[in-house]
Amino acid sequence: MKRKHGGSSGLSHLFQQGSVSLTLLNSGDKNFLKGIKKLKSDFDESLPAVVHYLIVGDKPNDSIPLFARISLFKTIKEIRSKGCEICWSVVDPETDLA
């Protein structure tokens, strides 16, 4: 989840974090996976990965800035090429996310 403040750079960074995380999960690195299981005991590496970006807009109907959209669509291609599902949502700051 990322609040959309200050343009494209923060969102582009968020999108890259999802792609890099998926690369690490797919790497088969046993030490990395062991570390994930320590943080999240119910982690099941056999389940398919899904990357979901949640963007909190500054006001209702906020759109994603142009360069962030370009970064998002590039990241979508990368993630799908790795056999993963991806989705994203833009929500109003007043939305109850609990």
PDB file of N, CA and C in Angstrom:
ATOM      1  N   MET A   1       0.853  -1.165   0.000  1.00  0.00           N
ATOM      2  CA  MET A   1       0.000   0.000   0.000  1.00  0.00           C
ATOM      3  C   MET A   1       0.896   1.224   0.000  1.00  0.00           C
ATOM      4  N   LYS A   2       0.506   2.224  -0.776  1.00  0.00           N
ATOM      5  CA  LYS A   2       1.283   3.456  -0.863  1.00  0.00           C
ATOM      6  C   LYS A   2       0.317   4.610  -1.022  1.00  0.00           C
ATOM      7  N   ARG A   3       0.580   5.679  -0.284  1.00  0.00           N
ATOM      8  CA  ARG A   3      -0.179   6.910  -0.484  1.00  0.00           C
ATOM      9  C   ARG A   3       0.444   7.671  -1.631  1.00  0.00           C
ATOM     10  N   LYS A   4      -0.390   8.176  -2.523  1.00  0.00           N
ATOM     11  CA  LYS A   4       0.089   8.869  -3.712  1.00  0.00           C
ATOM     12  C   LYS A   4       0.398  10.318  -3.355  1.00  0.00           C
ATOM     13  N   HIS A   5       1.612  10.569  -2.933  1.00  0.00           N
ATOM     14  CA  HIS A   5       2.071  11.920  -2.637  1.00  0.00           C
ATOM     15  C   HIS A   5       3.279  12.210  -3.511  1.00  0.00           C
ATOM     16  N   GLY A   6       3.355  13.389  -4.055  1.00  0.00           N
ATOM     17  CA  GLY A   6       4.575  13.829  -4.718  1.00  0.00           C
ATOM     18  C   GLY A   6       4.868  13.223  -6.070  1.00  0.00           C
ATOM     19  N   GLY A   7       3.880  12.755  -6.778  1.00  0.00           N
ATOM     20  CA  GLY A   7       4.122  12.318  -8.141  1.00  0.00           C
ATOM     21  C   GLY A   7       4.442  10.847  -8.298  1.00  0.00           C
ATOM     22  N   SER A   8       5.198  10.564  -9.344  1.00  0.00           N
ATOM     23  CA  SER A   8       5.390   9.194  -9.812  1.00  0.00           C
ATOM     24  C   SER A   8       6.445   8.394  -9.074  1.00  0.00           C
ATOM     25  N   SER A   9       7.443   9.039  -8.499  1.00  0.00           N
ATOM     26  CA  SER A   9       8.598   8.289  -7.997  1.00  0.00           C
ATOM     27  C   SER A   9       8.238   7.281  -6.908  1.00  0.00           C
ATOM     28  N   GLY A  10       7.416   7.666  -5.953  1.00  0.00           N
ATOM     29  CA  GLY A  10       7.037   6.738  -4.887  1.00  0.00           C
ATOM     30  C   GLY A  10       6.250   5.553  -5.398  1.00  0.00           C
ATOM     31  N   LEU A  11       5.344   5.802  -6.343  1.00  0.00           N
ATOM     32  CA  LEU A  11       4.550   4.711  -6.895  1.00  0.00           C
ATOM     33  C   LEU A  11       5.424   3.788  -7.747  1.00  0.00           C
ATOM     34  N   SER A  12       6.311   4.364  -8.550  1.00  0.00           N
ATOM     35  CA  SER A  12       7.206   3.540  -9.365  1.00  0.00           C
ATOM     36  C   SER A  12       8.061   2.643  -8.473  1.00  0.00           C
ATOM     37  N   HIS A  13       8.506   3.184  -7.345  1.00  0.00           N
ATOM     38  CA  HIS A  13       9.284   2.395  -6.394  1.00  0.00           C
ATOM     39  C   HIS A  13       8.435   1.253  -5.833  1.00  0.00           C
ATOM     40  N   LEU A  14       7.199   1.527  -5.495  1.00  0.00           N
ATOM     41  CA  LEU A  14       6.286   0.493  -5.004  1.00  0.00           C
ATOM     42  C   LEU A  14       6.138  -0.626  -6.030  1.00  0.00           C
ATOM     43  N   PHE A  15       5.940  -0.264  -7.292  1.00  0.00           N
ATOM     44  CA  PHE A  15       5.748  -1.274  -8.327  1.00  0.00           C
ATOM     45  C   PHE A  15       6.992  -2.148  -8.464  1.00  0.00           C
ATOM     46  N   GLN A  16       8.170  -1.546  -8.384  1.00  0.00           N
ATOM     47  CA  GLN A  16       9.411  -2.315  -8.468  1.00  0.00           C
ATOM     48  C   GLN A  16       9.580  -3.241  -7.264  1.00  0.00           C
ATOM     49  N   GLN A  17       9.130  -2.796  -6.089  1.00  0.00           N
ATOM     50  CA  GLN A  17       9.209  -3.653  -4.904  1.00  0.00           C
ATOM     51  C   GLN A  17       8.429  -4.950  -5.114  1.00  0.00           C
ATOM     52  N   GLY A  18       7.273  -4.856  -5.734  1.00  0.00           N
ATOM     53  CA  GLY A  18       6.479  -6.059  -6.014  1.00  0.00           C
ATOM     54  C   GLY A  18       7.192  -6.996  -6.959  1.00  0.00           C
ATOM     55  N   SER A  19       7.801  -6.438  -7.999  1.00  0.00           N
ATOM     56  CA  SER A  19       8.512  -7.251  -8.979  1.00  0.00           C
ATOM     57  C   SER A  19       9.739  -7.922  -8.358  1.00  0.00           C
ATOM     58  N   VAL A  20      10.503  -7.168  -7.577  1.00  0.00           N
ATOM     59  CA  VAL A  20      11.694  -7.716  -6.928  1.00  0.00           C
ATOM     60  C   VAL A  20      11.302  -8.787  -5.910  1.00  0.00           C
ATOM     61  N   SER A  21      10.235  -8.557  -5.151  1.00  0.00           N
ATOM     62  CA  SER A  21       9.774  -9.551  -4.176  1.00  0.00           C
ATOM     63  C   SER A  21       9.411 -10.863  -4.861  1.00  0.00           C
ATOM     64  N   LEU A  22       8.730 -10.759  -5.987  1.00  0.00           N
ATOM     65  CA  LEU A  22       8.351 -11.959  -6.727  1.00  0.00           C
ATOM     66  C   LEU A  22       9.594 -12.684  -7.250  1.00  0.00           C
ATOM     67  N   THR A  23      10.574 -11.937  -7.729  1.00  0.00           N
ATOM     68  CA  THR A  23      11.827 -12.540  -8.197  1.00  0.00           C
ATOM     69  C   THR A  23      12.487 -13.323  -7.071  1.00  0.00           C
ATOM     70  N   LEU A  24      12.520 -12.731  -5.871  1.00  0.00           N
ATOM     71  CA  LEU A  24      13.112 -13.428  -4.722  1.00  0.00           C
ATOM     72  C   LEU A  24      12.321 -14.682  -4.345  1.00  0.00           C
ATOM     73  N   LEU A  25      10.996 -14.584  -4.363  1.00  0.00           N
ATOM     74  CA  LEU A  25      10.169 -15.747  -4.031  1.00  0.00           C
ATOM     75  C   LEU A  25      10.381 -16.881  -5.025  1.00  0.00           C
ATOM     76  N   ASN A  26      10.577 -16.535  -6.292  1.00  0.00           N
ATOM     77  CA  ASN A  26      10.757 -17.543  -7.335  1.00  0.00           C
ATOM     78  C   ASN A  26      12.196 -18.031  -7.452  1.00  0.00           C
ATOM     79  N   SER A  27      13.104 -17.449  -6.694  1.00  0.00           N
ATOM     80  CA  SER A  27      14.526 -17.784  -6.827  1.00  0.00           C
ATOM     81  C   SER A  27      14.872 -19.171  -6.300  1.00  0.00           C
ATOM     82  N   GLY A  28      14.045 -19.695  -5.405  1.00  0.00           N
ATOM     83  CA  GLY A  28      14.340 -20.992  -4.809  1.00  0.00           C
ATOM     84  C   GLY A  28      15.400 -20.923  -3.720  1.00  0.00           C
ATOM     85  N   ASP A  29      15.779 -19.701  -3.328  1.00  0.00           N
ATOM     86  CA  ASP A  29      16.788 -19.516  -2.277  1.00  0.00           C
ATOM     87  C   ASP A  29      16.212 -19.999  -0.950  1.00  0.00           C
ATOM     88  N   LYS A  30      16.738 -21.111  -0.461  1.00  0.00           N
ATOM     89  CA  LYS A  30      16.202 -21.734   0.759  1.00  0.00           C
ATOM     90  C   LYS A  30      16.341 -20.823   1.978  1.00  0.00           C
ATOM     91  N   ASN A  31      17.437 -20.076   2.082  1.00  0.00           N
ATOM     92  CA  ASN A  31      17.618 -19.159   3.218  1.00  0.00           C
ATOM     93  C   ASN A  31      16.588 -18.040   3.189  1.00  0.00           C
ATOM     94  N   PHE A  32      16.308 -17.519   1.990  1.00  0.00           N
ATOM     95  CA  PHE A  32      15.296 -16.466   1.863  1.00  0.00           C
ATOM     96  C   PHE A  32      13.927 -16.997   2.283  1.00  0.00           C
ATOM     97  N   LEU A  33      13.566 -18.178   1.765  1.00  0.00           N
ATOM     98  CA  LEU A  33      12.263 -18.759   2.090  1.00  0.00           C
ATOM     99  C   LEU A  33      12.159 -19.095   3.577  1.00  0.00           C
ATOM    100  N   LYS A  34      13.262 -19.546   4.180  1.00  0.00           N
ATOM    101  CA  LYS A  34      13.278 -19.824   5.618  1.00  0.00           C
ATOM    102  C   LYS A  34      13.019 -18.531   6.399  1.00  0.00           C
ATOM    103  N   GLY A  35      13.620 -17.415   5.954  1.00  0.00           N
ATOM    104  CA  GLY A  35      13.405 -16.118   6.598  1.00  0.00           C
ATOM    105  C   GLY A  35      11.958 -15.658   6.488  1.00  0.00           C
ATOM    106  N   ILE A  36      11.337 -15.894   5.330  1.00  0.00           N
ATOM    107  CA  ILE A  36       9.916 -15.549   5.149  1.00  0.00           C
ATOM    108  C   ILE A  36       9.062 -16.355   6.122  1.00  0.00           C
ATOM    109  N   LYS A  37       9.357 -17.637   6.237  1.00  0.00           N
ATOM    110  CA  LYS A  37       8.568 -18.502   7.135  1.00  0.00           C
ATOM    111  C   LYS A  37       8.723 -18.101   8.593  1.00  0.00           C
ATOM    112  N   LYS A  38       9.890 -17.538   8.956  1.00  0.00           N
ATOM    113  CA  LYS A  38      10.060 -17.029  10.327  1.00  0.00           C
ATOM    114  C   LYS A  38       9.158 -15.827  10.566  1.00  0.00           C
ATOM    115  N   LEU A  39       9.033 -14.968   9.544  1.00  0.00           N
ATOM    116  CA  LEU A  39       8.199 -13.771   9.668  1.00  0.00           C
ATOM    117  C   LEU A  39       6.714 -14.097   9.575  1.00  0.00           C
ATOM    118  N   LYS A  40       6.387 -15.080   8.769  1.00  0.00           N
ATOM    119  CA  LYS A  40       4.983 -15.426   8.528  1.00  0.00           C
ATOM    120  C   LYS A  40       4.877 -16.947   8.547  1.00  0.00           C
ATOM    121  N   SER A  41       4.539 -17.479   9.699  1.00  0.00           N
ATOM    122  CA  SER A  41       4.588 -18.928   9.909  1.00  0.00           C
ATOM    123  C   SER A  41       3.642 -19.707   8.996  1.00  0.00           C
ATOM    124  N   ASP A  42       2.559 -19.074   8.513  1.00  0.00           N
ATOM    125  CA  ASP A  42       1.620 -19.798   7.657  1.00  0.00           C
ATOM    126  C   ASP A  42       1.949 -19.632   6.168  1.00  0.00           C
ATOM    127  N   PHE A  43       3.132 -19.113   5.849  1.00  0.00           N
ATOM    128  CA  PHE A  43       3.545 -18.940   4.457  1.00  0.00           C
ATOM    129  C   PHE A  43       3.643 -20.295   3.768  1.00  0.00           C
ATOM    130  N   ASP A  44       3.017 -20.419   2.601  1.00  0.00           N
ATOM    131  CA  ASP A  44       3.034 -21.668   1.834  1.00  0.00           C
ATOM    132  C   ASP A  44       3.601 -21.375   0.455  1.00  0.00           C
ATOM    133  N   GLU A  45       4.846 -21.762   0.239  1.00  0.00           N
ATOM    134  CA  GLU A  45       5.520 -21.451  -1.021  1.00  0.00           C
ATOM    135  C   GLU A  45       4.923 -22.188  -2.211  1.00  0.00           C
ATOM    136  N   SER A  46       4.082 -23.193  -1.976  1.00  0.00           N
ATOM    137  CA  SER A  46       3.473 -23.929  -3.088  1.00  0.00           C
ATOM    138  C   SER A  46       2.258 -23.206  -3.667  1.00  0.00           C
ATOM    139  N   LEU A  47       1.739 -22.213  -2.949  1.00  0.00           N
ATOM    140  CA  LEU A  47       0.592 -21.463  -3.457  1.00  0.00           C
ATOM    141  C   LEU A  47       1.050 -20.471  -4.522  1.00  0.00           C
ATOM    142  N   PRO A  48       0.197 -20.202  -5.513  1.00  0.00           N
ATOM    143  CA  PRO A  48       0.589 -19.227  -6.527  1.00  0.00           C
ATOM    144  C   PRO A  48       0.686 -17.828  -5.918  1.00  0.00           C
ATOM    145  N   ALA A  49       1.646 -17.078  -6.403  1.00  0.00           N
ATOM    146  CA  ALA A  49       1.849 -15.718  -5.901  1.00  0.00           C
ATOM    147  C   ALA A  49       0.890 -14.753  -6.596  1.00  0.00           C
ATOM    148  N   VAL A  50       0.422 -13.792  -5.835  1.00  0.00           N
ATOM    149  CA  VAL A  50      -0.406 -12.716  -6.365  1.00  0.00           C
ATOM    150  C   VAL A  50       0.176 -11.408  -5.856  1.00  0.00           C
ATOM    151  N   VAL A  51       0.423 -10.486  -6.755  1.00  0.00           N
ATOM    152  CA  VAL A  51       0.907  -9.166  -6.375  1.00  0.00           C
ATOM    153  C   VAL A  51      -0.291  -8.223  -6.451  1.00  0.00           C
ATOM    154  N   HIS A  52      -0.597  -7.546  -5.336  1.00  0.00           N
ATOM    155  CA  HIS A  52      -1.712  -6.602  -5.302  1.00  0.00           C
ATOM    156  C   HIS A  52      -1.198  -5.271  -4.788  1.00  0.00           C
ATOM    157  N   TYR A  53      -1.328  -4.259  -5.622  1.00  0.00           N
ATOM    158  CA  TYR A  53      -0.937  -2.906  -5.243  1.00  0.00           C
ATOM    159  C   TYR A  53      -2.187  -2.148  -4.808  1.00  0.00           C
ATOM    160  N   LEU A  54      -2.105  -1.502  -3.666  1.00  0.00           N
ATOM    161  CA  LEU A  54      -3.200  -0.676  -3.165  1.00  0.00           C
ATOM    162  C   LEU A  54      -2.684   0.751  -3.063  1.00  0.00           C
ATOM    163  N   ILE A  55      -3.258   1.636  -3.847  1.00  0.00           N
ATOM    164  CA  ILE A  55      -2.817   3.025  -3.910  1.00  0.00           C
ATOM    165  C   ILE A  55      -3.898   3.889  -3.278  1.00  0.00           C
ATOM    166  N   VAL A  56      -3.512   4.640  -2.264  1.00  0.00           N
ATOM    167  CA  VAL A  56      -4.450   5.527  -1.590  1.00  0.00           C
ATOM    168  C   VAL A  56      -4.306   6.904  -2.209  1.00  0.00           C
ATOM    169  N   GLY A  57      -5.361   7.376  -2.860  1.00  0.00           N
ATOM    170  CA  GLY A  57      -5.336   8.679  -3.521  1.00  0.00           C
ATOM    171  C   GLY A  57      -5.522   9.809  -2.534  1.00  0.00           C
ATOM    172  N   ASP A  58      -5.071  10.989  -2.938  1.00  0.00           N
ATOM    173  CA  ASP A  58      -5.206  12.170  -2.091  1.00  0.00           C
ATOM    174  C   ASP A  58      -6.645  12.665  -2.024  1.00  0.00           C
ATOM    175  N   LYS A  59      -7.405  12.382  -3.043  1.00  0.00           N
ATOM    176  CA  LYS A  59      -8.811  12.787  -3.091  1.00  0.00           C
ATOM    177  C   LYS A  59      -9.564  11.779  -3.954  1.00  0.00           C
ATOM    178  N   PRO A  60     -10.881  11.746  -3.858  1.00  0.00           N
ATOM    179  CA  PRO A  60     -11.643  10.776  -4.647  1.00  0.00           C
ATOM    180  C   PRO A  60     -11.324  10.910  -6.143  1.00  0.00           C
ATOM    181  N   ASN A  61     -11.327   9.787  -6.831  1.00  0.00           N
ATOM    182  CA  ASN A  61     -11.095   9.720  -8.272  1.00  0.00           C
ATOM    183  C   ASN A  61      -9.703  10.193  -8.688  1.00  0.00           C
ATOM    184  N   ASP A  62      -8.735  10.141  -7.763  1.00  0.00           N
ATOM    185  CA  ASP A  62      -7.359  10.474  -8.096  1.00  0.00           C
ATOM    186  C   ASP A  62      -6.860   9.510  -9.161  1.00  0.00           C
ATOM    187  N   SER A  63      -6.174  10.024 -10.148  1.00  0.00           N
ATOM    188  CA  SER A  63      -5.612   9.134 -11.161  1.00  0.00           C
ATOM    189  C   SER A  63      -4.127   8.917 -10.881  1.00  0.00           C
ATOM    190  N   ILE A  64      -3.598   7.864 -11.443  1.00  0.00           N
ATOM    191  CA  ILE A  64      -2.178   7.558 -11.309  1.00  0.00           C
ATOM    192  C   ILE A  64      -1.428   8.449 -12.297  1.00  0.00           C
ATOM    193  N   PRO A  65      -0.371   9.155 -11.852  1.00  0.00           N
ATOM    194  CA  PRO A  65       0.386  10.030 -12.762  1.00  0.00           C
ATOM    195  C   PRO A  65       0.952   9.250 -13.957  1.00  0.00           C
ATOM    196  N   LEU A  66       1.195   9.959 -15.051  1.00  0.00           N
ATOM    197  CA  LEU A  66       1.611   9.341 -16.310  1.00  0.00           C
ATOM    198  C   LEU A  66       2.822   8.415 -16.160  1.00  0.00           C
ATOM    199  N   PHE A  67       3.918   8.902 -15.587  1.00  0.00           N
ATOM    200  CA  PHE A  67       5.115   8.066 -15.514  1.00  0.00           C
ATOM    201  C   PHE A  67       4.926   6.887 -14.562  1.00  0.00           C
ATOM    202  N   ALA A  68       4.118   7.060 -13.548  1.00  0.00           N
ATOM    203  CA  ALA A  68       3.808   5.932 -12.666  1.00  0.00           C
ATOM    204  C   ALA A  68       2.983   4.893 -13.424  1.00  0.00           C
ATOM    205  N   ARG A  69       2.061   5.346 -14.290  1.00  0.00           N
ATOM    206  CA  ARG A  69       1.282   4.407 -15.106  1.00  0.00           C
ATOM    207  C   ARG A  69       2.185   3.619 -16.042  1.00  0.00           C
ATOM    208  N   ILE A  70       3.151   4.318 -16.654  1.00  0.00           N
ATOM    209  CA  ILE A  70       4.103   3.643 -17.534  1.00  0.00           C
ATOM    210  C   ILE A  70       4.870   2.582 -16.751  1.00  0.00           C
ATOM    211  N   SER A  71       5.332   2.942 -15.556  1.00  0.00           N
ATOM    212  CA  SER A  71       6.043   1.997 -14.696  1.00  0.00           C
ATOM    213  C   SER A  71       5.147   0.828 -14.306  1.00  0.00           C
ATOM    214  N   LEU A  72       3.883   1.110 -13.990  1.00  0.00           N
ATOM    215  CA  LEU A  72       2.937   0.053 -13.623  1.00  0.00           C
ATOM    216  C   LEU A  72       2.748  -0.930 -14.772  1.00  0.00           C
ATOM    217  N   PHE A  73       2.538  -0.434 -15.985  1.00  0.00           N
ATOM    218  CA  PHE A  73       2.299  -1.332 -17.110  1.00  0.00           C
ATOM    219  C   PHE A  73       3.548  -2.139 -17.465  1.00  0.00           C
ATOM    220  N   LYS A  74       4.733  -1.555 -17.290  1.00  0.00           N
ATOM    221  CA  LYS A  74       5.985  -2.296 -17.477  1.00  0.00           C
ATOM    222  C   LYS A  74       6.086  -3.405 -16.423  1.00  0.00           C
ATOM    223  N   THR A  75       5.760  -3.070 -15.183  1.00  0.00           N
ATOM    224  CA  THR A  75       5.809  -4.043 -14.091  1.00  0.00           C
ATOM    225  C   THR A  75       4.777  -5.147 -14.292  1.00  0.00           C
ATOM    226  N   ILE A  76       3.590  -4.802 -14.790  1.00  0.00           N
ATOM    227  CA  ILE A  76       2.562  -5.807 -15.074  1.00  0.00           C
ATOM    228  C   ILE A  76       3.110  -6.850 -16.042  1.00  0.00           C
ATOM    229  N   LYS A  77       3.771  -6.397 -17.108  1.00  0.00           N
ATOM    230  CA  LYS A  77       4.346  -7.331 -18.085  1.00  0.00           C
ATOM    231  C   LYS A  77       5.399  -8.226 -17.433  1.00  0.00           C
ATOM    232  N   GLU A  78       6.265  -7.628 -16.598  1.00  0.00           N
ATOM    233  CA  GLU A  78       7.311  -8.407 -15.915  1.00  0.00           C
ATOM    234  C   GLU A  78       6.697  -9.473 -15.021  1.00  0.00           C
ATOM    235  N   ILE A  79       5.717  -9.073 -14.224  1.00  0.00           N
ATOM    236  CA  ILE A  79       5.112  -9.991 -13.252  1.00  0.00           C
ATOM    237  C   ILE A  79       4.344 -11.102 -13.961  1.00  0.00           C
ATOM    238  N   ARG A  80       3.581 -10.752 -14.990  1.00  0.00           N
ATOM    239  CA  ARG A  80       2.841 -11.780 -15.727  1.00  0.00           C
ATOM    240  C   ARG A  80       3.785 -12.741 -16.442  1.00  0.00           C
ATOM    241  N   SER A  81       4.935 -12.244 -16.898  1.00  0.00           N
ATOM    242  CA  SER A  81       5.894 -13.119 -17.576  1.00  0.00           C
ATOM    243  C   SER A  81       6.478 -14.154 -16.614  1.00  0.00           C
ATOM    244  N   LYS A  82       6.371 -13.889 -15.310  1.00  0.00           N
ATOM    245  CA  LYS A  82       6.855 -14.814 -14.290  1.00  0.00           C
ATOM    246  C   LYS A  82       5.739 -15.750 -13.812  1.00  0.00           C
ATOM    247  N   GLY A  83       4.590 -15.707 -14.496  1.00  0.00           N
ATOM    248  CA  GLY A  83       3.492 -16.607 -14.174  1.00  0.00           C
ATOM    249  C   GLY A  83       2.681 -16.207 -12.956  1.00  0.00           C
ATOM    250  N   CYS A  84       2.698 -14.948 -12.617  1.00  0.00           N
ATOM    251  CA  CYS A  84       2.016 -14.466 -11.424  1.00  0.00           C
ATOM    252  C   CYS A  84       0.813 -13.618 -11.802  1.00  0.00           C
ATOM    253  N   GLU A  85      -0.163 -13.605 -10.925  1.00  0.00           N
ATOM    254  CA  GLU A  85      -1.308 -12.722 -11.095  1.00  0.00           C
ATOM    255  C   GLU A  85      -0.981 -11.361 -10.487  1.00  0.00           C
ATOM    256  N   ILE A  86      -1.559 -10.312 -11.040  1.00  0.00           N
ATOM    257  CA  ILE A  86      -1.346  -8.968 -10.518  1.00  0.00           C
ATOM    258  C   ILE A  86      -2.661  -8.211 -10.579  1.00  0.00           C
ATOM    259  N   CYS A  87      -2.896  -7.403  -9.553  1.00  0.00           N
ATOM    260  CA  CYS A  87      -4.058  -6.517  -9.562  1.00  0.00           C
ATOM    261  C   CYS A  87      -3.693  -5.250  -8.799  1.00  0.00           C
ATOM    262  N   TRP A  88      -4.435  -4.201  -9.039  1.00  0.00           N
ATOM    263  CA  TRP A  88      -4.201  -2.953  -8.336  1.00  0.00           C
ATOM    264  C   TRP A  88      -5.516  -2.245  -8.123  1.00  0.00           C
ATOM    265  N   SER A  89      -5.535  -1.417  -7.103  1.00  0.00           N
ATOM    266  CA  SER A  89      -6.724  -0.643  -6.759  1.00  0.00           C
ATOM    267  C   SER A  89      -6.293   0.750  -6.336  1.00  0.00           C
ATOM    268  N   VAL A  90      -7.100   1.727  -6.677  1.00  0.00           N
ATOM    269  CA  VAL A  90      -6.916   3.088  -6.176  1.00  0.00           C
ATOM    270  C   VAL A  90      -8.117   3.359  -5.289  1.00  0.00           C
ATOM    271  N   VAL A  91      -7.856   3.692  -4.020  1.00  0.00           N
ATOM    272  CA  VAL A  91      -8.940   3.902  -3.075  1.00  0.00           C
ATOM    273  C   VAL A  91      -8.863   5.298  -2.470  1.00  0.00           C
ATOM    274  N   ASP A  92      -9.986   5.769  -2.026  1.00  0.00           N
ATOM    275  CA  ASP A  92     -10.118   7.051  -1.352  1.00  0.00           C
ATOM    276  C   ASP A  92      -9.484   6.938   0.033  1.00  0.00           C
ATOM    277  N   PRO A  93      -8.817   7.998   0.513  1.00  0.00           N
ATOM    278  CA  PRO A  93      -8.196   7.945   1.846  1.00  0.00           C
ATOM    279  C   PRO A  93      -9.185   7.664   2.970  1.00  0.00           C
ATOM    280  N   GLU A  94     -10.442   7.933   2.741  1.00  0.00           N
ATOM    281  CA  GLU A  94     -11.459   7.712   3.783  1.00  0.00           C
ATOM    282  C   GLU A  94     -11.930   6.260   3.827  1.00  0.00           C
ATOM    283  N   THR A  95     -11.474   5.433   2.908  1.00  0.00           N
ATOM    284  CA  THR A  95     -11.877   4.028   2.865  1.00  0.00           C
ATOM    285  C   THR A  95     -11.353   3.295   4.096  1.00  0.00           C
ATOM    286  N   ASP A  96     -12.228   2.530   4.727  1.00  0.00           N
ATOM    287  CA  ASP A  96     -11.826   1.724   5.883  1.00  0.00           C
ATOM    288  C   ASP A  96     -11.152   0.463   5.364  1.00  0.00           C
ATOM    289  N   LEU A  97      -9.837   0.363   5.562  1.00  0.00           N
ATOM    290  CA  LEU A  97      -9.078  -0.770   5.029  1.00  0.00           C
ATOM    291  C   LEU A  97      -8.912  -1.882   6.047  1.00  0.00           C
ATOM    292  N   ALA A  98      -9.480  -1.740   7.217  1.00  0.00           N
ATOM    293  CA  ALA A  98      -9.330  -2.761   8.260  1.00  0.00           C
ATOM    294  C   ALA A  98     -10.216  -3.963   8.000  1.00  0.00           C
TER     295      ALA A  98
END
